Amino acid sequence: MKTVTVQEASRNLSELVHCAAGGEEITIQDGACTVLLQPVSAAPKNRLKGREALRQLQSQSRLTPARAENYLLEVHAERLAHENGRGR
């Protein structure tokens, strides 16, 4: 595992990204905060859209349509807040 500071990561970001994409574990430290740089795995091709996933959950459990709708409203509000800079 390779550990670098934020300053080092900033200077060598392209190299670090390529190393992480190749499987090397890289952590970036800023004081007491440490994050892991790793590639994002490809989404499965058969991934369901949100509403379809909720429909399947409803048919398999006690998730009511009202609870599902409330959940979607909460997710939408969180996304809007994040997009407007309040979610950071």
N, C-alpha and C. Protein backbone atom coordinates (compact mmCIF):
# COMPACT_ATOMS: atom_id res chain seq x y z
N MET A 1 0.85 -1.18 0.00
CA MET A 1 0.00 0.00 0.00
C MET A 1 0.89 1.23 0.00
N LYS A 2 0.53 2.18 -0.84
CA LYS A 2 1.28 3.43 -0.95
C LYS A 2 0.44 4.54 -0.30
N THR A 3 1.06 5.34 0.56
CA THR A 3 0.37 6.45 1.21
C THR A 3 1.05 7.75 0.82
N VAL A 4 0.26 8.72 0.38
CA VAL A 4 0.79 10.03 -0.01
C VAL A 4 -0.02 11.12 0.67
N THR A 5 0.58 12.30 0.76
CA THR A 5 -0.14 13.46 1.29
C THR A 5 -1.00 14.06 0.19
N VAL A 6 -1.88 14.95 0.56
CA VAL A 6 -2.72 15.64 -0.43
C VAL A 6 -1.85 16.42 -1.40
N GLN A 7 -0.81 17.05 -0.90
CA GLN A 7 0.08 17.83 -1.76
C GLN A 7 0.78 16.92 -2.78
N GLU A 8 1.27 15.76 -2.31
CA GLU A 8 1.91 14.81 -3.23
C GLU A 8 0.91 14.29 -4.25
N ALA A 9 -0.29 13.99 -3.79
CA ALA A 9 -1.33 13.49 -4.69
C ALA A 9 -1.68 14.53 -5.74
N SER A 10 -1.72 15.78 -5.34
CA SER A 10 -2.04 16.85 -6.26
C SER A 10 -0.99 16.96 -7.37
N ARG A 11 0.27 16.81 -7.00
CA ARG A 11 1.37 16.91 -7.98
C ARG A 11 1.43 15.69 -8.89
N ASN A 12 1.01 14.53 -8.40
CA ASN A 12 1.19 13.27 -9.14
C ASN A 12 -0.13 12.55 -9.40
N LEU A 13 -1.21 13.28 -9.51
CA LEU A 13 -2.53 12.65 -9.59
C LEU A 13 -2.66 11.69 -10.76
N SER A 14 -2.21 12.08 -11.93
CA SER A 14 -2.34 11.22 -13.10
C SER A 14 -1.63 9.89 -12.88
N GLU A 15 -0.43 9.93 -12.37
CA GLU A 15 0.33 8.70 -12.09
C GLU A 15 -0.38 7.84 -11.04
N LEU A 16 -0.89 8.48 -10.00
CA LEU A 16 -1.57 7.74 -8.94
C LEU A 16 -2.85 7.07 -9.45
N VAL A 17 -3.57 7.76 -10.32
CA VAL A 17 -4.80 7.19 -10.89
C VAL A 17 -4.46 5.95 -11.71
N HIS A 18 -3.41 6.03 -12.51
CA HIS A 18 -3.02 4.88 -13.32
C HIS A 18 -2.57 3.71 -12.44
N CYS A 19 -1.84 4.01 -11.37
CA CYS A 19 -1.41 2.95 -10.44
C CYS A 19 -2.62 2.29 -9.77
N ALA A 20 -3.57 3.11 -9.32
CA ALA A 20 -4.76 2.58 -8.67
C ALA A 20 -5.58 1.74 -9.66
N ALA A 21 -5.68 2.22 -10.89
CA ALA A 21 -6.43 1.47 -11.91
C ALA A 21 -5.77 0.13 -12.19
N GLY A 22 -4.45 0.07 -11.97
CA GLY A 22 -3.73 -1.18 -12.16
C GLY A 22 -3.78 -2.11 -10.97
N GLY A 23 -4.46 -1.71 -9.91
CA GLY A 23 -4.65 -2.58 -8.77
C GLY A 23 -3.87 -2.20 -7.53
N GLU A 24 -3.01 -1.19 -7.61
CA GLU A 24 -2.23 -0.78 -6.43
C GLU A 24 -3.13 -0.04 -5.45
N GLU A 25 -3.01 -0.36 -4.16
CA GLU A 25 -3.78 0.35 -3.13
C GLU A 25 -3.06 1.65 -2.80
N ILE A 26 -3.76 2.75 -2.92
CA ILE A 26 -3.18 4.06 -2.65
C ILE A 26 -4.08 4.80 -1.69
N THR A 27 -3.49 5.28 -0.59
CA THR A 27 -4.24 6.11 0.34
C THR A 27 -3.69 7.52 0.28
N ILE A 28 -4.59 8.47 0.47
CA ILE A 28 -4.22 9.89 0.48
C ILE A 28 -4.58 10.43 1.85
N GLN A 29 -3.60 11.07 2.49
CA GLN A 29 -3.78 11.57 3.85
C GLN A 29 -3.76 13.08 3.90
N ASP A 30 -4.66 13.62 4.68
CA ASP A 30 -4.71 15.05 4.97
C ASP A 30 -4.96 15.18 6.46
N GLY A 31 -3.89 15.31 7.22
CA GLY A 31 -4.02 15.34 8.67
C GLY A 31 -4.53 14.00 9.16
N ALA A 32 -5.64 14.02 9.90
CA ALA A 32 -6.21 12.79 10.45
C ALA A 32 -7.14 12.10 9.45
N CYS A 33 -7.42 12.74 8.33
CA CYS A 33 -8.33 12.18 7.33
C CYS A 33 -7.54 11.36 6.31
N THR A 34 -7.99 10.14 6.05
CA THR A 34 -7.36 9.28 5.06
C THR A 34 -8.44 8.73 4.13
N VAL A 35 -8.17 8.78 2.83
CA VAL A 35 -9.10 8.24 1.85
C VAL A 35 -8.36 7.23 0.97
N LEU A 36 -9.13 6.33 0.38
CA LEU A 36 -8.57 5.30 -0.48
C LEU A 36 -8.87 5.64 -1.93
N LEU A 37 -7.84 5.63 -2.76
CA LEU A 37 -8.00 5.86 -4.20
C LEU A 37 -8.13 4.50 -4.85
N GLN A 38 -9.27 4.24 -5.48
CA GLN A 38 -9.48 2.95 -6.11
C GLN A 38 -10.39 3.10 -7.32
N PRO A 39 -10.28 2.20 -8.28
CA PRO A 39 -11.13 2.29 -9.46
C PRO A 39 -12.58 1.94 -9.12
N VAL A 40 -13.48 2.51 -9.86
CA VAL A 40 -14.90 2.20 -9.71
C VAL A 40 -15.18 1.01 -10.61
N SER A 41 -15.80 -0.01 -10.06
CA SER A 41 -16.10 -1.18 -10.88
C SER A 41 -17.22 -0.85 -11.85
N ALA A 42 -17.19 -1.51 -12.96
CA ALA A 42 -18.23 -1.28 -13.98
C ALA A 42 -19.58 -1.75 -13.45
N ALA A 43 -20.61 -1.00 -13.77
CA ALA A 43 -21.96 -1.36 -13.33
C ALA A 43 -22.41 -2.61 -14.09
N PRO A 44 -23.08 -3.50 -13.40
CA PRO A 44 -23.58 -4.70 -14.09
C PRO A 44 -24.54 -4.32 -15.21
N LYS A 45 -24.50 -5.07 -16.30
CA LYS A 45 -25.35 -4.75 -17.45
C LYS A 45 -26.83 -4.94 -17.16
N ASN A 46 -27.13 -5.84 -16.22
CA ASN A 46 -28.53 -6.12 -15.91
C ASN A 46 -29.02 -5.29 -14.73
N ARG A 47 -28.37 -4.19 -14.45
CA ARG A 47 -28.76 -3.35 -13.32
C ARG A 47 -30.14 -2.74 -13.55
N LEU A 48 -30.97 -2.79 -12.52
CA LEU A 48 -32.34 -2.29 -12.63
C LEU A 48 -32.39 -0.79 -12.37
N LYS A 49 -33.34 -0.15 -12.99
CA LYS A 49 -33.60 1.25 -12.67
C LYS A 49 -34.26 1.32 -11.31
N GLY A 50 -34.18 2.48 -10.66
CA GLY A 50 -34.67 2.64 -9.30
C GLY A 50 -36.10 2.20 -9.08
N ARG A 51 -37.00 2.64 -9.94
CA ARG A 51 -38.41 2.29 -9.76
C ARG A 51 -38.64 0.78 -9.92
N GLU A 52 -37.96 0.16 -10.89
CA GLU A 52 -38.13 -1.28 -11.09
C GLU A 52 -37.60 -2.05 -9.88
N ALA A 53 -36.47 -1.61 -9.33
CA ALA A 53 -35.93 -2.26 -8.13
C ALA A 53 -36.92 -2.14 -6.97
N LEU A 54 -37.54 -0.98 -6.82
CA LEU A 54 -38.53 -0.80 -5.76
C LEU A 54 -39.75 -1.68 -5.99
N ARG A 55 -40.17 -1.82 -7.24
CA ARG A 55 -41.32 -2.68 -7.54
C ARG A 55 -41.01 -4.13 -7.15
N GLN A 56 -39.80 -4.59 -7.44
CA GLN A 56 -39.42 -5.94 -7.06
C GLN A 56 -39.39 -6.11 -5.55
N LEU A 57 -38.86 -5.10 -4.85
CA LEU A 57 -38.85 -5.15 -3.40
C LEU A 57 -40.26 -5.20 -2.83
N GLN A 58 -41.15 -4.40 -3.44
CA GLN A 58 -42.53 -4.39 -2.98
C GLN A 58 -43.17 -5.77 -3.13
N SER A 59 -42.89 -6.44 -4.24
CA SER A 59 -43.51 -7.74 -4.46
C SER A 59 -42.92 -8.82 -3.56
N GLN A 60 -41.72 -8.61 -3.03
CA GLN A 60 -41.05 -9.61 -2.21
C GLN A 60 -41.12 -9.30 -0.71
N SER A 61 -41.64 -8.15 -0.35
CA SER A 61 -41.61 -7.78 1.07
C SER A 61 -42.81 -6.94 1.45
N ARG A 62 -42.68 -6.27 2.57
CA ARG A 62 -43.77 -5.45 3.08
C ARG A 62 -43.59 -3.97 2.76
N LEU A 63 -42.78 -3.67 1.76
CA LEU A 63 -42.58 -2.29 1.36
C LEU A 63 -43.85 -1.81 0.65
N THR A 64 -44.53 -0.88 1.27
CA THR A 64 -45.79 -0.40 0.70
C THR A 64 -45.51 0.66 -0.36
N PRO A 65 -46.44 0.88 -1.26
CA PRO A 65 -46.26 1.92 -2.27
C PRO A 65 -46.01 3.29 -1.63
N ALA A 66 -46.68 3.58 -0.52
CA ALA A 66 -46.49 4.88 0.15
C ALA A 66 -45.07 5.01 0.69
N ARG A 67 -44.55 3.96 1.29
CA ARG A 67 -43.17 4.00 1.80
C ARG A 67 -42.18 4.14 0.66
N ALA A 68 -42.44 3.44 -0.43
CA ALA A 68 -41.56 3.54 -1.59
C ALA A 68 -41.55 4.96 -2.14
N GLU A 69 -42.71 5.57 -2.24
CA GLU A 69 -42.80 6.94 -2.74
C GLU A 69 -42.08 7.91 -1.81
N ASN A 70 -42.24 7.74 -0.50
CA ASN A 70 -41.52 8.58 0.46
C ASN A 70 -40.02 8.44 0.30
N TYR A 71 -39.57 7.21 0.09
CA TYR A 71 -38.14 6.96 -0.11
C TYR A 71 -37.64 7.69 -1.36
N LEU A 72 -38.39 7.59 -2.46
CA LEU A 72 -37.98 8.27 -3.69
C LEU A 72 -37.95 9.78 -3.51
N LEU A 73 -38.89 10.33 -2.78
CA LEU A 73 -38.89 11.77 -2.51
C LEU A 73 -37.68 12.18 -1.69
N GLU A 74 -37.30 11.37 -0.72
CA GLU A 74 -36.12 11.66 0.09
C GLU A 74 -34.85 11.61 -0.75
N VAL A 75 -34.74 10.59 -1.60
CA VAL A 75 -33.56 10.47 -2.46
C VAL A 75 -33.48 11.66 -3.40
N HIS A 76 -34.61 12.05 -3.97
CA HIS A 76 -34.64 13.20 -4.87
C HIS A 76 -34.21 14.48 -4.14
N ALA A 77 -34.70 14.69 -2.95
CA ALA A 77 -34.34 15.87 -2.17
C ALA A 77 -32.84 15.88 -1.84
N GLU A 78 -32.31 14.70 -1.50
CA GLU A 78 -30.88 14.61 -1.21
C GLU A 78 -30.04 14.94 -2.43
N ARG A 79 -30.45 14.44 -3.58
CA ARG A 79 -29.71 14.73 -4.82
C ARG A 79 -29.76 16.22 -5.14
N LEU A 80 -30.91 16.83 -5.00
CA LEU A 80 -31.03 18.27 -5.25
C LEU A 80 -30.15 19.07 -4.30
N ALA A 81 -30.15 18.69 -3.04
CA ALA A 81 -29.32 19.39 -2.05
C ALA A 81 -27.85 19.25 -2.40
N HIS A 82 -27.44 18.06 -2.82
CA HIS A 82 -26.05 17.83 -3.17
C HIS A 82 -25.67 18.65 -4.41
N GLU A 83 -26.55 18.65 -5.42
CA GLU A 83 -26.28 19.40 -6.63
C GLU A 83 -26.20 20.91 -6.37
N ASN A 84 -26.92 21.38 -5.38
CA ASN A 84 -26.91 22.80 -5.05
C ASN A 84 -25.79 23.16 -4.08
N GLY A 85 -24.93 22.18 -3.76
CA GLY A 85 -23.77 22.46 -2.91
C GLY A 85 -24.02 22.36 -1.43
N ARG A 86 -25.23 21.99 -1.04
CA ARG A 86 -25.53 21.90 0.39
C ARG A 86 -25.18 20.53 0.92
N GLY A 87 -24.94 19.56 0.04
CA GLY A 87 -24.68 18.20 0.50
C GLY A 87 -23.23 17.89 0.75
N ARG A 88 -22.37 18.88 0.69
CA ARG A 88 -20.94 18.63 0.86
C ARG A 88 -20.49 18.88 2.24
